[in-house]
Amino acid sequence: MTPENSASPRANFESAQRCLIAIRDIADRGVRSLDPEHMGYALEELSQVLFERTGNEERFFEPISANQIKGLAKLYAELDFVDGCSQDMEASAAQRVV
């Protein structure tokens, strides 16, 4: 077992929770900001970090103003799909508990 995947299932679960909380917090600050630079930073840096999870360390996303980010409508459509799927998963899990 490599050190990266040697964590217990519980420790992995807790790490995943911390990651999602960090994503939520970064996104929340971006949403609350009235500064397009801060919004762009949140979107681009989150994208870069998640992209690097694929094993590619190349700098692909650069922090730029939200006003300069292309393809936001497509990004939103994809995120809206994922949001809907995660809502369905949550509802399905809640029905199994009842």
C-alpha atoms as a PDB file:
ATOM      1  CA  MET A   1       0.000   0.000   0.000  1.00  0.00           C
ATOM      2  CA  THR A   2       1.321   3.435  -0.888  1.00  0.00           C
ATOM      3  CA  PRO A   3       1.230   6.212   1.705  1.00  0.00           C
ATOM      4  CA  GLU A   4      -1.320   8.041  -0.440  1.00  0.00           C
ATOM      5  CA  ASN A   5      -3.911   5.262  -0.221  1.00  0.00           C
ATOM      6  CA  SER A   6      -2.957   3.718   3.113  1.00  0.00           C
ATOM      7  CA  ALA A   7      -5.431   5.803   5.112  1.00  0.00           C
ATOM      8  CA  SER A   8      -8.288   4.044   6.792  1.00  0.00           C
ATOM      9  CA  PRO A   9     -11.720   4.339   5.174  1.00  0.00           C
ATOM     10  CA  ARG A  10     -12.804   6.633   8.022  1.00  0.00           C
ATOM     11  CA  ALA A  11      -9.766   8.892   7.599  1.00  0.00           C
ATOM     12  CA  ASN A  12     -10.404   9.010   3.840  1.00  0.00           C
ATOM     13  CA  PHE A  13     -14.050   9.898   4.451  1.00  0.00           C
ATOM     14  CA  GLU A  14     -13.026  12.720   6.792  1.00  0.00           C
ATOM     15  CA  SER A  15     -10.448  13.988   4.293  1.00  0.00           C
ATOM     16  CA  ALA A  16     -13.091  14.008   1.558  1.00  0.00           C
ATOM     17  CA  GLN A  17     -15.381  16.012   3.852  1.00  0.00           C
ATOM     18  CA  ARG A  18     -12.603  18.545   4.538  1.00  0.00           C
ATOM     19  CA  CYS A  19     -11.957  18.883   0.796  1.00  0.00           C
ATOM     20  CA  LEU A  20     -15.629  19.503   0.037  1.00  0.00           C
ATOM     21  CA  ILE A  21     -15.876  22.011   2.885  1.00  0.00           C
ATOM     22  CA  ALA A  22     -12.852  23.869   1.505  1.00  0.00           C
ATOM     23  CA  ILE A  23     -14.395  23.905  -1.992  1.00  0.00           C
ATOM     24  CA  ARG A  24     -17.667  25.186  -0.524  1.00  0.00           C
ATOM     25  CA  ASP A  25     -15.913  27.909   1.473  1.00  0.00           C
ATOM     26  CA  ILE A  26     -13.810  29.093  -1.494  1.00  0.00           C
ATOM     27  CA  ALA A  27     -16.881  29.102  -3.724  1.00  0.00           C
ATOM     28  CA  ASP A  28     -18.918  30.949  -1.088  1.00  0.00           C
ATOM     29  CA  ARG A  29     -16.315  33.700  -0.810  1.00  0.00           C
ATOM     30  CA  GLY A  30     -16.294  34.007  -4.601  1.00  0.00           C
ATOM     31  CA  VAL A  31     -20.083  34.279  -4.691  1.00  0.00           C
ATOM     32  CA  ARG A  32     -20.187  36.935  -1.974  1.00  0.00           C
ATOM     33  CA  SER A  33     -17.467  39.031  -3.588  1.00  0.00           C
ATOM     34  CA  LEU A  34     -18.449  41.992  -5.693  1.00  0.00           C
ATOM     35  CA  ASP A  35     -14.986  41.989  -7.242  1.00  0.00           C
ATOM     36  CA  PRO A  36     -14.729  40.108 -10.569  1.00  0.00           C
ATOM     37  CA  GLU A  37     -11.041  39.434  -9.794  1.00  0.00           C
ATOM     38  CA  HIS A  38     -11.989  37.526  -6.631  1.00  0.00           C
ATOM     39  CA  MET A  39     -14.744  35.627  -8.454  1.00  0.00           C
ATOM     40  CA  GLY A  40     -12.334  34.706 -11.235  1.00  0.00           C
ATOM     41  CA  TYR A  41      -9.690  33.642  -8.747  1.00  0.00           C
ATOM     42  CA  ALA A  42     -12.108  31.283  -7.007  1.00  0.00           C
ATOM     43  CA  LEU A  43     -13.292  29.687 -10.259  1.00  0.00           C
ATOM     44  CA  GLU A  44      -9.910  29.424 -11.934  1.00  0.00           C
ATOM     45  CA  GLU A  45      -7.960  28.201  -8.914  1.00  0.00           C
ATOM     46  CA  LEU A  46     -10.573  25.593  -8.015  1.00  0.00           C
ATOM     47  CA  SER A  47     -10.501  24.441 -11.632  1.00  0.00           C
ATOM     48  CA  GLN A  48      -6.697  24.247 -11.586  1.00  0.00           C
ATOM     49  CA  VAL A  49      -6.554  22.281  -8.348  1.00  0.00           C
ATOM     50  CA  LEU A  50      -9.186  19.820  -9.543  1.00  0.00           C
ATOM     51  CA  PHE A  51      -7.408  19.532 -12.917  1.00  0.00           C
ATOM     52  CA  GLU A  52      -4.146  18.702 -11.142  1.00  0.00           C
ATOM     53  CA  ARG A  53      -5.926  15.729  -9.502  1.00  0.00           C
ATOM     54  CA  THR A  54      -5.713  14.055 -12.923  1.00  0.00           C
ATOM     55  CA  GLY A  55      -1.942  13.886 -12.477  1.00  0.00           C
ATOM     56  CA  ASN A  56      -1.204  16.760 -14.832  1.00  0.00           C
ATOM     57  CA  GLU A  57       0.844  19.431 -13.059  1.00  0.00           C
ATOM     58  CA  GLU A  58       0.806  21.803 -16.041  1.00  0.00           C
ATOM     59  CA  ARG A  59      -0.584  25.255 -15.282  1.00  0.00           C
ATOM     60  CA  PHE A  60      -3.760  25.273 -17.360  1.00  0.00           C
ATOM     61  CA  PHE A  61      -5.988  27.751 -15.509  1.00  0.00           C
ATOM     62  CA  GLU A  62      -4.772  31.210 -14.580  1.00  0.00           C
ATOM     63  CA  PRO A  63      -6.507  33.531 -12.130  1.00  0.00           C
ATOM     64  CA  ILE A  64      -8.306  36.126 -14.254  1.00  0.00           C
ATOM     65  CA  SER A  65     -11.307  38.352 -13.765  1.00  0.00           C
ATOM     66  CA  ALA A  66     -14.689  36.638 -14.011  1.00  0.00           C
ATOM     67  CA  ASN A  67     -15.428  39.075 -16.833  1.00  0.00           C
ATOM     68  CA  GLN A  68     -12.681  37.422 -18.907  1.00  0.00           C
ATOM     69  CA  ILE A  69     -13.580  33.760 -18.345  1.00  0.00           C
ATOM     70  CA  LYS A  70     -14.950  32.174 -21.495  1.00  0.00           C
ATOM     71  CA  GLY A  71     -17.500  29.376 -21.554  1.00  0.00           C
ATOM     72  CA  LEU A  72     -19.219  30.161 -18.269  1.00  0.00           C
ATOM     73  CA  ALA A  73     -22.641  29.238 -19.667  1.00  0.00           C
ATOM     74  CA  LYS A  74     -21.360  25.764 -20.566  1.00  0.00           C
ATOM     75  CA  LEU A  75     -19.610  25.423 -17.198  1.00  0.00           C
ATOM     76  CA  TYR A  76     -22.808  26.379 -15.429  1.00  0.00           C
ATOM     77  CA  ALA A  77     -24.818  23.853 -17.458  1.00  0.00           C
ATOM     78  CA  GLU A  78     -22.390  21.084 -16.467  1.00  0.00           C
ATOM     79  CA  LEU A  79     -22.367  22.141 -12.814  1.00  0.00           C
ATOM     80  CA  ASP A  80     -26.165  22.376 -12.822  1.00  0.00           C
ATOM     81  CA  PHE A  81     -26.302  18.784 -14.118  1.00  0.00           C
ATOM     82  CA  VAL A  82     -23.929  17.605 -11.370  1.00  0.00           C
ATOM     83  CA  ASP A  83     -25.933  19.552  -8.798  1.00  0.00           C
ATOM     84  CA  GLY A  84     -29.134  17.854  -9.946  1.00  0.00           C
ATOM     85  CA  CYS A  85     -27.506  14.425  -9.816  1.00  0.00           C
ATOM     86  CA  SER A  86     -26.191  15.038  -6.315  1.00  0.00           C
ATOM     87  CA  GLN A  87     -29.639  16.209  -5.196  1.00  0.00           C
ATOM     88  CA  ASP A  88     -31.152  13.014  -6.635  1.00  0.00           C
ATOM     89  CA  MET A  89     -28.542  10.921  -4.831  1.00  0.00           C
ATOM     90  CA  GLU A  90     -29.295  12.690  -1.556  1.00  0.00           C
ATOM     91  CA  ALA A  91     -33.051  12.208  -1.986  1.00  0.00           C
ATOM     92  CA  SER A  92     -32.570   8.532  -2.854  1.00  0.00           C
ATOM     93  CA  ALA A  93     -30.421   7.993   0.239  1.00  0.00           C
ATOM     94  CA  ALA A  94     -32.990   9.745   2.417  1.00  0.00           C
ATOM     95  CA  GLN A  95     -35.754   7.468   1.085  1.00  0.00           C
ATOM     96  CA  ARG A  96     -33.714   4.368   1.941  1.00  0.00           C
ATOM     97  CA  VAL A  97     -33.368   5.592   5.537  1.00  0.00           C
ATOM     98  CA  VAL A  98     -37.093   6.212   6.010  1.00  0.00           C
END
